[in-house]
Amino acid sequence: MLSKKIYPLILIAAAFDSQAAIINFDALQPFNNYDPILAGYGSTADVTVSYSSLNLDGSVAYSDVLLWNGGYADLNTAAFAHTSGLLLSIKLTAVNPNQSVTLNSFDVAAYPTGAVNSTLTATDFRVVDGDDFSNILVNYGPYEVSRFAAQTFSPNLTARSLNIILGTDWNNGINNINFTVTAVPLPGAVWLFGTALAGLGLTRKTRKV
């Protein structure tokens, strides 16, 4: 028979199955500057990652974003909008309805490091709920992005779909997108919950006897 201390752990394990991932564009090197990121790069079995360069109204101008080797502060690699004046969009969407995505953190930096001004303004910098641009979950912009050291943002937002928006200057770039997918596994969770609850009940009954 399992120890009574194990049953609460089973309940926790049954409720949540978390898997963390990091989208690091350094892994795509070597590449040429202005190369597009491969469609779906960074996607997992549970999360679909999509890239696009958007017009200011949210419509798609290009179905990709581009890559650059170095120069965006101290990032080895950065992703940026297809042309200046557009919005970079990186969307993370949970595959299954019983899943959600948590955006833990990402790094943003500006180019070039040798510029006179130490920062570059990101006039539009936010995380929205999927394709619903009116549902802004966190708004950082306008934000003065450093040209000398990448800045880490930790929104810790959870939703079925999360969309990072960065613009409108393509000299603002992003890398190291850290996310976690959380799911309630069914029907396995039901079996685990039942086992754990029955075990806790049996423990209490034994204690009474």
Protein backbone atom coordinates (compact mmCIF):
# COMPACT_ATOMS: atom_id res chain seq x y z
CA MET A 1 0.00 0.00 0.00
CA LEU A 2 1.27 3.50 -0.83
CA SER A 3 2.33 5.79 1.99
CA LYS A 4 -0.27 8.37 2.94
CA LYS A 5 2.31 11.04 2.13
CA ILE A 6 2.26 9.99 -1.53
CA TYR A 7 -1.44 10.65 -2.17
CA PRO A 8 -1.27 14.49 -2.11
CA LEU A 9 1.62 14.29 -4.56
CA ILE A 10 -0.46 12.13 -6.87
CA LEU A 11 -3.23 14.72 -6.74
CA ILE A 12 -0.84 17.47 -7.74
CA ALA A 13 0.70 15.38 -10.52
CA ALA A 14 -2.72 14.48 -11.88
CA ALA A 15 -3.90 18.08 -11.89
CA PHE A 16 -1.01 19.59 -13.79
CA ASP A 17 1.45 18.30 -16.36
CA SER A 18 3.90 21.11 -17.13
CA GLN A 19 6.50 21.16 -19.87
CA ALA A 20 8.94 24.06 -20.29
CA ALA A 21 10.63 25.11 -23.53
CA ILE A 22 12.87 27.93 -24.78
CA ILE A 23 12.84 29.33 -28.29
CA ASN A 24 16.48 30.26 -28.89
CA PHE A 25 17.27 31.54 -32.37
CA ASP A 26 21.00 30.93 -31.79
CA ALA A 27 20.31 27.30 -32.66
CA LEU A 28 19.54 28.38 -36.24
CA GLN A 29 23.09 29.59 -36.87
CA PRO A 30 24.82 29.66 -39.26
CA PHE A 31 22.48 31.76 -41.37
CA ASN A 32 22.63 34.94 -43.44
CA ASN A 33 21.35 38.23 -42.14
CA TYR A 34 17.76 38.84 -43.29
CA ASP A 35 17.05 35.10 -43.52
CA PRO A 36 13.45 34.32 -42.46
CA ILE A 37 12.79 32.11 -39.46
CA LEU A 38 11.53 28.72 -40.53
CA ALA A 39 7.75 28.46 -40.21
CA GLY A 40 6.78 26.84 -36.95
CA TYR A 41 10.27 26.98 -35.46
CA GLY A 42 10.13 26.28 -31.72
CA SER A 43 6.79 24.47 -31.90
CA THR A 44 6.33 21.46 -29.64
CA ALA A 45 3.82 18.64 -29.52
CA ASP A 46 1.67 20.85 -27.28
CA VAL A 47 2.30 24.39 -28.57
CA THR A 48 2.24 25.87 -32.07
CA VAL A 49 4.57 28.83 -32.65
CA SER A 50 3.84 31.18 -35.55
CA TYR A 51 5.69 34.24 -36.84
CA SER A 52 4.46 37.21 -38.84
CA SER A 53 5.14 40.86 -39.57
CA LEU A 54 1.98 42.89 -39.12
CA ASN A 55 0.63 46.20 -40.29
CA LEU A 56 -0.40 48.63 -37.59
CA ASP A 57 -4.02 47.51 -37.88
CA GLY A 58 -3.00 43.91 -37.11
CA SER A 59 -3.33 42.59 -40.64
CA VAL A 60 -0.53 40.37 -41.92
CA ALA A 61 2.03 42.07 -44.16
CA TYR A 62 4.49 39.13 -44.25
CA SER A 63 4.06 35.62 -42.90
CA ASP A 64 7.52 35.63 -41.32
CA VAL A 65 10.05 37.57 -39.29
CA LEU A 66 13.77 37.84 -40.05
CA LEU A 67 17.04 36.91 -38.34
CA TRP A 68 20.21 38.86 -37.62
CA ASN A 69 23.68 37.79 -36.48
CA GLY A 70 24.82 39.87 -33.51
CA GLY A 71 24.64 43.63 -33.06
CA TYR A 72 21.37 43.68 -31.11
CA ALA A 73 23.08 44.68 -27.87
CA ASP A 74 24.68 41.52 -26.45
CA LEU A 75 22.29 39.02 -28.08
CA ASN A 76 24.05 36.54 -30.35
CA THR A 77 20.96 36.36 -32.55
CA ALA A 78 17.80 38.43 -32.83
CA ALA A 79 14.48 38.17 -34.63
CA PHE A 80 12.92 41.35 -36.03
CA ALA A 81 10.04 42.51 -38.20
CA HIS A 82 10.31 42.01 -41.96
CA THR A 83 10.63 45.74 -42.65
CA SER A 84 10.83 48.80 -40.46
CA GLY A 85 7.44 50.28 -39.65
CA LEU A 86 5.83 46.87 -39.15
CA LEU A 87 5.10 44.92 -35.98
CA LEU A 88 6.90 41.71 -35.11
CA SER A 89 4.42 39.06 -33.97
CA ILE A 90 5.34 35.77 -32.28
CA LYS A 91 2.28 33.78 -31.28
CA LEU A 92 2.23 30.76 -28.97
CA THR A 93 -0.94 28.67 -29.09
CA ALA A 94 -1.80 25.56 -27.09
CA VAL A 95 -2.72 22.66 -29.37
CA ASN A 96 -5.46 21.12 -27.25
CA PRO A 97 -8.46 22.83 -25.61
CA ASN A 98 -7.47 21.53 -22.16
CA GLN A 99 -4.05 23.15 -22.39
CA SER A 100 -2.77 26.64 -21.68
CA VAL A 101 0.50 28.44 -22.36
CA THR A 102 2.41 30.47 -19.80
CA LEU A 103 4.82 33.04 -21.21
CA ASN A 104 7.58 33.08 -18.60
CA SER A 105 10.15 35.45 -20.10
CA PHE A 106 11.91 36.77 -23.22
CA ASP A 107 14.86 39.05 -24.06
CA VAL A 108 14.65 42.26 -26.07
CA ALA A 109 17.52 44.44 -27.33
CA ALA A 110 18.16 47.24 -29.81
CA TYR A 111 20.64 47.66 -32.71
CA PRO A 112 23.30 48.92 -33.11
CA THR A 113 25.48 48.96 -30.01
CA GLY A 114 27.63 51.79 -31.36
CA ALA A 115 24.83 54.32 -31.83
CA VAL A 116 24.96 57.75 -30.22
CA ASN A 117 21.75 57.17 -28.28
CA SER A 118 21.88 54.35 -25.74
CA THR A 119 18.27 53.33 -26.33
CA LEU A 120 15.79 52.91 -29.15
CA THR A 121 12.08 53.43 -28.63
CA ALA A 122 9.73 50.50 -29.12
CA THR A 123 6.55 52.46 -29.79
CA ASP A 124 4.39 49.32 -29.68
CA PHE A 125 5.41 46.64 -27.22
CA ARG A 126 2.78 44.40 -25.66
CA VAL A 127 1.45 40.88 -25.19
CA VAL A 128 -2.09 40.27 -26.40
CA ASP A 129 -4.55 37.41 -26.18
CA GLY A 130 -3.95 35.48 -29.42
CA ASP A 131 -5.34 37.38 -32.39
CA ASP A 132 -7.50 39.64 -30.22
CA PHE A 133 -5.42 42.83 -30.33
CA SER A 134 -8.00 44.67 -28.24
CA ASN A 135 -7.34 42.27 -25.35
CA ILE A 136 -3.96 43.57 -24.16
CA LEU A 137 -2.67 41.37 -21.34
CA VAL A 138 0.39 43.52 -20.61
CA ASN A 139 1.52 46.76 -22.27
CA TYR A 140 5.19 47.74 -22.04
CA GLY A 141 5.21 50.38 -24.74
CA PRO A 142 6.39 52.86 -25.53
CA TYR A 143 9.61 51.47 -24.09
CA GLU A 144 13.24 52.58 -24.36
CA VAL A 145 15.06 49.40 -25.39
CA SER A 146 18.77 49.26 -24.54
CA ARG A 147 21.38 49.11 -27.31
CA PHE A 148 24.03 47.78 -24.92
CA ALA A 149 22.48 44.96 -22.89
CA ALA A 150 19.51 42.75 -23.58
CA GLN A 151 16.62 43.25 -21.17
CA THR A 152 14.63 40.35 -19.83
CA PHE A 153 10.87 40.69 -19.50
CA SER A 154 8.92 38.25 -17.33
CA PRO A 155 5.20 38.69 -18.00
CA ASN A 156 4.19 35.32 -16.46
CA LEU A 157 0.93 35.38 -18.42
CA THR A 158 -1.22 32.30 -19.01
CA ALA A 159 -3.81 31.83 -21.76
CA ARG A 160 -4.78 29.45 -24.55
CA SER A 161 -2.88 31.72 -26.97
CA LEU A 162 -0.35 34.50 -26.32
CA ASN A 163 1.01 36.93 -28.90
CA ILE A 164 4.17 39.03 -28.41
CA ILE A 165 3.98 42.28 -30.38
CA LEU A 166 7.11 44.42 -30.89
CA GLY A 167 7.57 47.44 -33.16
CA THR A 168 7.57 49.55 -35.09
CA ASP A 169 11.34 49.88 -35.65
CA TRP A 170 13.00 46.74 -37.00
CA ASN A 171 16.10 47.68 -35.01
CA ASN A 172 14.33 46.23 -31.97
CA GLY A 173 14.80 42.47 -31.73
CA ILE A 174 13.89 39.52 -29.54
CA ASN A 175 15.29 36.13 -28.48
CA ASN A 176 15.16 33.48 -25.72
CA ILE A 177 11.40 33.09 -25.43
CA ASN A 178 10.70 30.88 -22.42
CA PHE A 179 7.27 29.30 -22.11
CA THR A 180 5.50 26.49 -20.29
CA VAL A 181 2.51 24.48 -21.42
CA THR A 182 0.20 23.20 -18.71
CA ALA A 183 -2.49 20.60 -19.19
CA VAL A 184 -5.01 18.61 -17.19
CA PRO A 185 -4.42 15.13 -18.63
CA LEU A 186 -7.64 13.21 -19.23
CA PRO A 187 -8.67 10.49 -18.64
CA GLY A 188 -5.46 9.75 -16.77
CA ALA A 189 -6.13 12.59 -14.35
CA VAL A 190 -9.48 11.11 -13.41
CA TRP A 191 -7.88 7.77 -12.57
CA LEU A 192 -5.11 9.44 -10.57
CA PHE A 193 -7.55 11.69 -8.74
CA GLY A 194 -9.72 8.71 -7.91
CA THR A 195 -6.76 6.70 -6.67
CA ALA A 196 -5.48 9.54 -4.55
CA LEU A 197 -8.85 10.40 -3.06
CA ALA A 198 -9.57 6.75 -2.31
CA GLY A 199 -6.16 6.45 -0.71
CA LEU A 200 -6.74 9.48 1.47
CA GLY A 201 -10.13 8.13 2.49
CA LEU A 202 -8.64 4.75 3.37
CA THR A 203 -5.94 6.44 5.42
CA ARG A 204 -8.53 8.37 7.42
CA LYS A 205 -10.66 5.26 7.97
CA THR A 206 -7.62 3.29 9.17
CA ARG A 207 -6.73 6.09 11.54
CA LYS A 208 -10.22 6.03 13.06
CA VAL A 209 -10.03 2.27 13.64
